[in-house]
PDB file of N, CA and C in Angstrom:
ATOM      1  N   UNK A   1      42.931  66.941  34.330  1.00  0.00           N
ATOM      2  CA  UNK A   1      41.693  67.438  34.918  1.00  0.00           C
ATOM      3  C   UNK A   1      41.303  66.520  36.073  1.00  0.00           C
ATOM      4  N   UNK A   2      40.943  67.106  37.173  1.00  0.00           N
ATOM      5  CA  UNK A   2      40.532  66.325  38.344  1.00  0.00           C
ATOM      6  C   UNK A   2      39.161  65.705  38.099  1.00  0.00           C
ATOM      7  N   UNK A   3      38.969  64.512  38.632  1.00  0.00           N
ATOM      8  CA  UNK A   3      37.680  63.844  38.502  1.00  0.00           C
ATOM      9  C   UNK A   3      36.662  64.474  39.437  1.00  0.00           C
ATOM     10  N   UNK A   4      35.510  64.793  38.902  1.00  0.00           N
ATOM     11  CA  UNK A   4      34.425  65.333  39.707  1.00  0.00           C
ATOM     12  C   UNK A   4      33.603  64.196  40.298  1.00  0.00           C
ATOM     13  N   UNK A   5      33.418  63.149  39.497  1.00  0.00           N
ATOM     14  CA  UNK A   5      32.626  61.998  39.920  1.00  0.00           C
ATOM     15  C   UNK A   5      33.542  60.858  40.346  1.00  0.00           C
ATOM     16  N   UNK A   6      33.081  60.037  41.267  1.00  0.00           N
ATOM     17  CA  UNK A   6      33.826  58.873  41.743  1.00  0.00           C
ATOM     18  C   UNK A   6      33.800  57.803  40.657  1.00  0.00           C
ATOM     19  N   UNK A   7      34.981  57.421  40.164  1.00  0.00           N
ATOM     20  CA  UNK A   7      35.075  56.434  39.090  1.00  0.00           C
ATOM     21  C   UNK A   7      34.514  55.076  39.475  1.00  0.00           C
ATOM     22  N   UNK A   8      34.481  54.765  40.740  1.00  0.00           N
ATOM     23  CA  UNK A   8      34.030  53.448  41.200  1.00  0.00           C
ATOM     24  C   UNK A   8      32.569  53.438  41.616  1.00  0.00           C
ATOM     25  N   UNK A   9      31.821  54.423  41.197  1.00  0.00           N
ATOM     26  CA  UNK A   9      30.423  54.537  41.615  1.00  0.00           C
ATOM     27  C   UNK A   9      29.497  54.579  40.414  1.00  0.00           C
ATOM     28  N   UNK A  10      28.311  54.065  40.599  1.00  0.00           N
ATOM     29  CA  UNK A  10      27.248  54.167  39.608  1.00  0.00           C
ATOM     30  C   UNK A  10      26.229  55.163  40.143  1.00  0.00           C
ATOM     31  N   UNK A  11      25.897  56.158  39.348  1.00  0.00           N
ATOM     32  CA  UNK A  11      24.967  57.214  39.749  1.00  0.00           C
ATOM     33  C   UNK A  11      23.600  56.925  39.139  1.00  0.00           C
ATOM     34  N   UNK A  12      22.583  56.932  39.976  1.00  0.00           N
ATOM     35  CA  UNK A  12      21.206  56.687  39.560  1.00  0.00           C
ATOM     36  C   UNK A  12      20.484  58.033  39.487  1.00  0.00           C
ATOM     37  N   UNK A  13      19.557  58.176  38.547  1.00  0.00           N
ATOM     38  CA  UNK A  13      18.765  59.402  38.486  1.00  0.00           C
ATOM     39  C   UNK A  13      18.190  59.709  39.859  1.00  0.00           C
ATOM     40  N   UNK A  14      18.317  60.926  40.260  1.00  0.00           N
ATOM     41  CA  UNK A  14      17.873  61.340  41.583  1.00  0.00           C
ATOM     42  C   UNK A  14      19.044  61.592  42.519  1.00  0.00           C
ATOM     43  N   UNK A  15      20.226  61.045  42.186  1.00  0.00           N
ATOM     44  CA  UNK A  15      21.404  61.334  42.998  1.00  0.00           C
ATOM     45  C   UNK A  15      21.740  62.821  42.854  1.00  0.00           C
ATOM     46  N   UNK A  16      21.980  63.508  43.960  1.00  0.00           N
ATOM     47  CA  UNK A  16      22.210  64.956  43.881  1.00  0.00           C
ATOM     48  C   UNK A  16      23.425  65.341  43.041  1.00  0.00           C
ATOM     49  N   UNK A  17      24.407  64.479  42.935  1.00  0.00           N
ATOM     50  CA  UNK A  17      25.607  64.795  42.151  1.00  0.00           C
ATOM     51  C   UNK A  17      25.278  65.012  40.678  1.00  0.00           C
ATOM     52  N   UNK A  18      24.249  64.356  40.183  1.00  0.00           N
ATOM     53  CA  UNK A  18      23.894  64.501  38.765  1.00  0.00           C
ATOM     54  C   UNK A  18      23.343  65.880  38.442  1.00  0.00           C
ATOM     55  N   UNK A  19      22.950  66.648  39.465  1.00  0.00           N
ATOM     56  CA  UNK A  19      22.444  68.002  39.222  1.00  0.00           C
ATOM     57  C   UNK A  19      23.543  68.922  38.695  1.00  0.00           C
ATOM     58  N   UNK A  20      24.812  68.494  38.820  1.00  0.00           N
ATOM     59  CA  UNK A  20      25.901  69.272  38.217  1.00  0.00           C
ATOM     60  C   UNK A  20      25.755  69.315  36.701  1.00  0.00           C
ATOM     61  N   UNK A  21      25.176  68.263  36.123  1.00  0.00           N
ATOM     62  CA  UNK A  21      25.013  68.184  34.670  1.00  0.00           C
ATOM     63  C   UNK A  21      23.731  68.848  34.195  1.00  0.00           C
ATOM     64  N   UNK A  22      22.714  68.819  35.016  1.00  0.00           N
ATOM     65  CA  UNK A  22      21.436  69.396  34.629  1.00  0.00           C
ATOM     66  C   UNK A  22      20.301  68.707  35.366  1.00  0.00           C
ATOM     67  N   UNK A  23      19.097  69.134  35.056  1.00  0.00           N
ATOM     68  CA  UNK A  23      17.916  68.567  35.694  1.00  0.00           C
ATOM     69  C   UNK A  23      17.621  67.180  35.135  1.00  0.00           C
ATOM     70  N   UNK A  24      16.705  66.468  35.802  1.00  0.00           N
ATOM     71  CA  UNK A  24      16.263  65.168  35.281  1.00  0.00           C
ATOM     72  C   UNK A  24      15.700  65.323  33.881  1.00  0.00           C
ATOM     73  N   UNK A  25      14.976  66.414  33.656  1.00  0.00           N
ATOM     74  CA  UNK A  25      14.376  66.664  32.350  1.00  0.00           C
ATOM     75  C   UNK A  25      15.443  66.878  31.289  1.00  0.00           C
ATOM     76  N   UNK A  26      16.492  67.632  31.629  1.00  0.00           N
ATOM     77  CA  UNK A  26      17.581  67.883  30.681  1.00  0.00           C
ATOM     78  C   UNK A  26      18.291  66.574  30.333  1.00  0.00           C
ATOM     79  N   UNK A  27      18.563  65.750  31.344  1.00  0.00           N
ATOM     80  CA  UNK A  27      19.208  64.464  31.080  1.00  0.00           C
ATOM     81  C   UNK A  27      18.315  63.577  30.218  1.00  0.00           C
ATOM     82  N   UNK A  28      17.002  63.626  30.442  1.00  0.00           N
ATOM     83  CA  UNK A  28      16.064  62.840  29.625  1.00  0.00           C
ATOM     84  C   UNK A  28      16.076  63.336  28.181  1.00  0.00           C
ATOM     85  N   UNK A  29      16.141  64.649  27.985  1.00  0.00           N
ATOM     86  CA  UNK A  29      16.218  65.199  26.624  1.00  0.00           C
ATOM     87  C   UNK A  29      17.491  64.735  25.926  1.00  0.00           C
ATOM     88  N   UNK A  30      18.608  64.774  26.637  1.00  0.00           N
ATOM     89  CA  UNK A  30      19.874  64.317  26.058  1.00  0.00           C
ATOM     90  C   UNK A  30      19.797  62.847  25.654  1.00  0.00           C
ATOM     91  N   UNK A  31      19.212  62.025  26.531  1.00  0.00           N
ATOM     92  CA  UNK A  31      19.099  60.598  26.196  1.00  0.00           C
ATOM     93  C   UNK A  31      18.224  60.409  24.966  1.00  0.00           C
ATOM     94  N   UNK A  32      17.127  61.138  24.888  1.00  0.00           N
ATOM     95  CA  UNK A  32      16.218  61.032  23.751  1.00  0.00           C
ATOM     96  C   UNK A  32      16.916  61.449  22.453  1.00  0.00           C
ATOM     97  N   UNK A  33      17.735  62.510  22.526  1.00  0.00           N
ATOM     98  CA  UNK A  33      18.445  63.004  21.347  1.00  0.00           C
ATOM     99  C   UNK A  33      19.761  62.285  21.109  1.00  0.00           C
ATOM    100  N   UNK A  34      20.098  61.348  21.991  1.00  0.00           N
ATOM    101  CA  UNK A  34      21.345  60.569  21.890  1.00  0.00           C
ATOM    102  C   UNK A  34      22.583  61.466  21.963  1.00  0.00           C
ATOM    103  N   UNK A  35      22.560  62.423  22.889  1.00  0.00           N
ATOM    104  CA  UNK A  35      23.711  63.278  23.167  1.00  0.00           C
ATOM    105  C   UNK A  35      23.975  63.211  24.668  1.00  0.00           C
ATOM    106  N   UNK A  36      25.021  63.877  25.118  1.00  0.00           N
ATOM    107  CA  UNK A  36      25.329  63.868  26.548  1.00  0.00           C
ATOM    108  C   UNK A  36      26.146  62.642  26.931  1.00  0.00           C
ATOM    109  N   UNK A  37      26.304  62.435  28.222  1.00  0.00           N
ATOM    110  CA  UNK A  37      27.137  61.324  28.686  1.00  0.00           C
ATOM    111  C   UNK A  37      26.458  59.975  28.441  1.00  0.00           C
ATOM    112  N   UNK A  38      27.264  58.912  28.276  1.00  0.00           N
ATOM    113  CA  UNK A  38      26.696  57.572  28.114  1.00  0.00           C
ATOM    114  C   UNK A  38      25.913  57.159  29.360  1.00  0.00           C
ATOM    115  N   UNK A  39      24.912  56.326  29.168  1.00  0.00           N
ATOM    116  CA  UNK A  39      24.094  55.843  30.272  1.00  0.00           C
ATOM    117  C   UNK A  39      23.866  54.349  30.125  1.00  0.00           C
ATOM    118  N   UNK A  40      23.360  53.768  31.197  1.00  0.00           N
ATOM    119  CA  UNK A  40      23.057  52.339  31.243  1.00  0.00           C
ATOM    120  C   UNK A  40      21.631  52.182  31.744  1.00  0.00           C
ATOM    121  N   UNK A  41      20.883  51.288  31.121  1.00  0.00           N
ATOM    122  CA  UNK A  41      19.541  50.966  31.618  1.00  0.00           C
ATOM    123  C   UNK A  41      19.660  49.713  32.478  1.00  0.00           C
ATOM    124  N   UNK A  42      19.185  49.798  33.700  1.00  0.00           N
ATOM    125  CA  UNK A  42      19.143  48.659  34.619  1.00  0.00           C
ATOM    126  C   UNK A  42      17.665  48.441  34.918  1.00  0.00           C
ATOM    127  N   UNK A  43      17.056  47.542  34.175  1.00  0.00           N
ATOM    128  CA  UNK A  43      15.611  47.383  34.281  1.00  0.00           C
ATOM    129  C   UNK A  43      14.959  48.654  33.780  1.00  0.00           C
ATOM    130  N   UNK A  44      14.184  49.298  34.636  1.00  0.00           N
ATOM    131  CA  UNK A  44      13.534  50.558  34.277  1.00  0.00           C
ATOM    132  C   UNK A  44      14.319  51.776  34.748  1.00  0.00           C
ATOM    133  N   UNK A  45      15.412  51.557  35.444  1.00  0.00           N
ATOM    134  CA  UNK A  45      16.208  52.661  35.981  1.00  0.00           C
ATOM    135  C   UNK A  45      17.309  53.060  34.996  1.00  0.00           C
ATOM    136  N   UNK A  46      17.661  54.322  35.036  1.00  0.00           N
ATOM    137  CA  UNK A  46      18.759  54.866  34.241  1.00  0.00           C
ATOM    138  C   UNK A  46      19.922  55.122  35.183  1.00  0.00           C
ATOM    139  N   UNK A  47      21.103  54.689  34.779  1.00  0.00           N
ATOM    140  CA  UNK A  47      22.288  54.873  35.610  1.00  0.00           C
ATOM    141  C   UNK A  47      23.423  55.440  34.761  1.00  0.00           C
ATOM    142  N   UNK A  48      24.310  56.135  35.417  1.00  0.00           N
ATOM    143  CA  UNK A  48      25.502  56.694  34.787  1.00  0.00           C
ATOM    144  C   UNK A  48      26.715  56.181  35.550  1.00  0.00           C
ATOM    145  N   UNK A  49      27.709  55.671  34.832  1.00  0.00           N
ATOM    146  CA  UNK A  49      28.940  55.207  35.463  1.00  0.00           C
ATOM    147  C   UNK A  49      29.854  56.406  35.696  1.00  0.00           C
ATOM    148  N   UNK A  50      30.486  56.445  36.849  1.00  0.00           N
ATOM    149  CA  UNK A  50      31.361  57.564  37.191  1.00  0.00           C
ATOM    150  C   UNK A  50      32.458  57.774  36.173  1.00  0.00           C
ATOM    151  N   UNK A  51      33.049  56.692  35.665  1.00  0.00           N
ATOM    152  CA  UNK A  51      34.113  56.834  34.658  1.00  0.00           C
ATOM    153  C   UNK A  51      33.581  57.463  33.381  1.00  0.00           C
ATOM    154  N   UNK A  52      32.371  57.076  32.972  1.00  0.00           N
ATOM    155  CA  UNK A  52      31.777  57.677  31.773  1.00  0.00           C
ATOM    156  C   UNK A  52      31.518  59.165  31.967  1.00  0.00           C
ATOM    157  N   UNK A  53      31.035  59.543  33.145  1.00  0.00           N
ATOM    158  CA  UNK A  53      30.758  60.953  33.420  1.00  0.00           C
ATOM    159  C   UNK A  53      32.039  61.779  33.396  1.00  0.00           C
ATOM    160  N   UNK A  54      33.098  61.278  34.030  1.00  0.00           N
ATOM    161  CA  UNK A  54      34.371  62.008  34.042  1.00  0.00           C
ATOM    162  C   UNK A  54      34.961  62.116  32.643  1.00  0.00           C
ATOM    163  N   UNK A  55      34.883  61.048  31.855  1.00  0.00           N
ATOM    164  CA  UNK A  55      35.405  61.086  30.483  1.00  0.00           C
ATOM    165  C   UNK A  55      34.610  62.057  29.626  1.00  0.00           C
ATOM    166  N   UNK A  56      33.289  62.063  29.788  1.00  0.00           N
ATOM    167  CA  UNK A  56      32.455  62.973  29.009  1.00  0.00           C
ATOM    168  C   UNK A  56      32.753  64.426  29.372  1.00  0.00           C
ATOM    169  N   UNK A  57      32.900  64.693  30.673  1.00  0.00           N
ATOM    170  CA  UNK A  57      33.226  66.059  31.093  1.00  0.00           C
ATOM    171  C   UNK A  57      34.567  66.514  30.538  1.00  0.00           C
ATOM    172  N   UNK A  58      35.557  65.619  30.550  1.00  0.00           N
ATOM    173  CA  UNK A  58      36.873  65.969  30.011  1.00  0.00           C
ATOM    174  C   UNK A  58      36.778  66.294  28.520  1.00  0.00           C
ATOM    175  N   UNK A  59      35.914  65.591  27.794  1.00  0.00           N
ATOM    176  CA  UNK A  59      35.742  65.843  26.362  1.00  0.00           C
ATOM    177  C   UNK A  59      35.046  67.176  26.100  1.00  0.00           C
ATOM    178  N   UNK A  60      34.315  67.711  27.079  1.00  0.00           N
ATOM    179  CA  UNK A  60      33.601  68.973  26.913  1.00  0.00           C
ATOM    180  C   UNK A  60      34.491  70.183  27.197  1.00  0.00           C
ATOM    181  N   UNK A  61      35.704  69.943  27.654  1.00  0.00           N
ATOM    182  CA  UNK A  61      36.600  71.021  28.067  1.00  0.00           C
ATOM    183  C   UNK A  61      36.963  71.902  26.876  1.00  0.00           C
ATOM    184  N   UNK A  62      36.915  73.204  27.104  1.00  0.00           N
ATOM    185  CA  UNK A  62      37.317  74.180  26.105  1.00  0.00           C
ATOM    186  C   UNK A  62      38.458  75.003  26.678  1.00  0.00           C
ATOM    187  N   UNK A  63      39.527  75.124  25.926  1.00  0.00           N
ATOM    188  CA  UNK A  63      40.670  75.921  26.341  1.00  0.00           C
ATOM    189  C   UNK A  63      40.731  77.176  25.483  1.00  0.00           C
ATOM    190  N   UNK A  64      40.351  78.323  26.053  1.00  0.00           N
ATOM    191  CA  UNK A  64      40.310  79.561  25.261  1.00  0.00           C
ATOM    192  C   UNK A  64      41.664  79.940  24.656  1.00  0.00           C
ATOM    193  N   UNK A  65      42.765  79.535  25.289  1.00  0.00           N
ATOM    194  CA  UNK A  65      44.082  79.907  24.764  1.00  0.00           C
ATOM    195  C   UNK A  65      44.398  79.157  23.460  1.00  0.00           C
ATOM    196  N   UNK A  66      43.663  78.072  23.168  1.00  0.00           N
ATOM    197  CA  UNK A  66      43.901  77.326  21.943  1.00  0.00           C
ATOM    198  C   UNK A  66      42.918  77.689  20.832  1.00  0.00           C
ATOM    199  N   UNK A  67      42.001  78.608  21.103  1.00  0.00           N
ATOM    200  CA  UNK A  67      41.004  78.990  20.110  1.00  0.00           C
ATOM    201  C   UNK A  67      41.637  79.936  19.085  1.00  0.00           C
ATOM    202  N   UNK A  68      41.280  79.748  17.848  1.00  0.00           N
ATOM    203  CA  UNK A  68      41.766  80.626  16.778  1.00  0.00           C
ATOM    204  C   UNK A  68      41.067  81.984  16.875  1.00  0.00           C
ATOM    205  N   UNK A  69      41.791  83.014  16.597  1.00  0.00           N
ATOM    206  CA  UNK A  69      41.224  84.368  16.699  1.00  0.00           C
ATOM    207  C   UNK A  69      40.426  84.713  15.477  1.00  0.00           C
TER     208      UNK A  69
END
């Protein structure tokens, strides 16, 4: 699977690339429920590492040809 996010970048809330995952509110709900991609707190800011985002997206992949009928 091709990487959507740059592995060498840290994404901060408000970066437009994070809108691929959902709104700020959706990401906040995921963090509160402890689901979704891993995040890092830097002081009061929330950040996502590009490698974590790509790994999380790869784990969400569904292949319909492998689904049981």
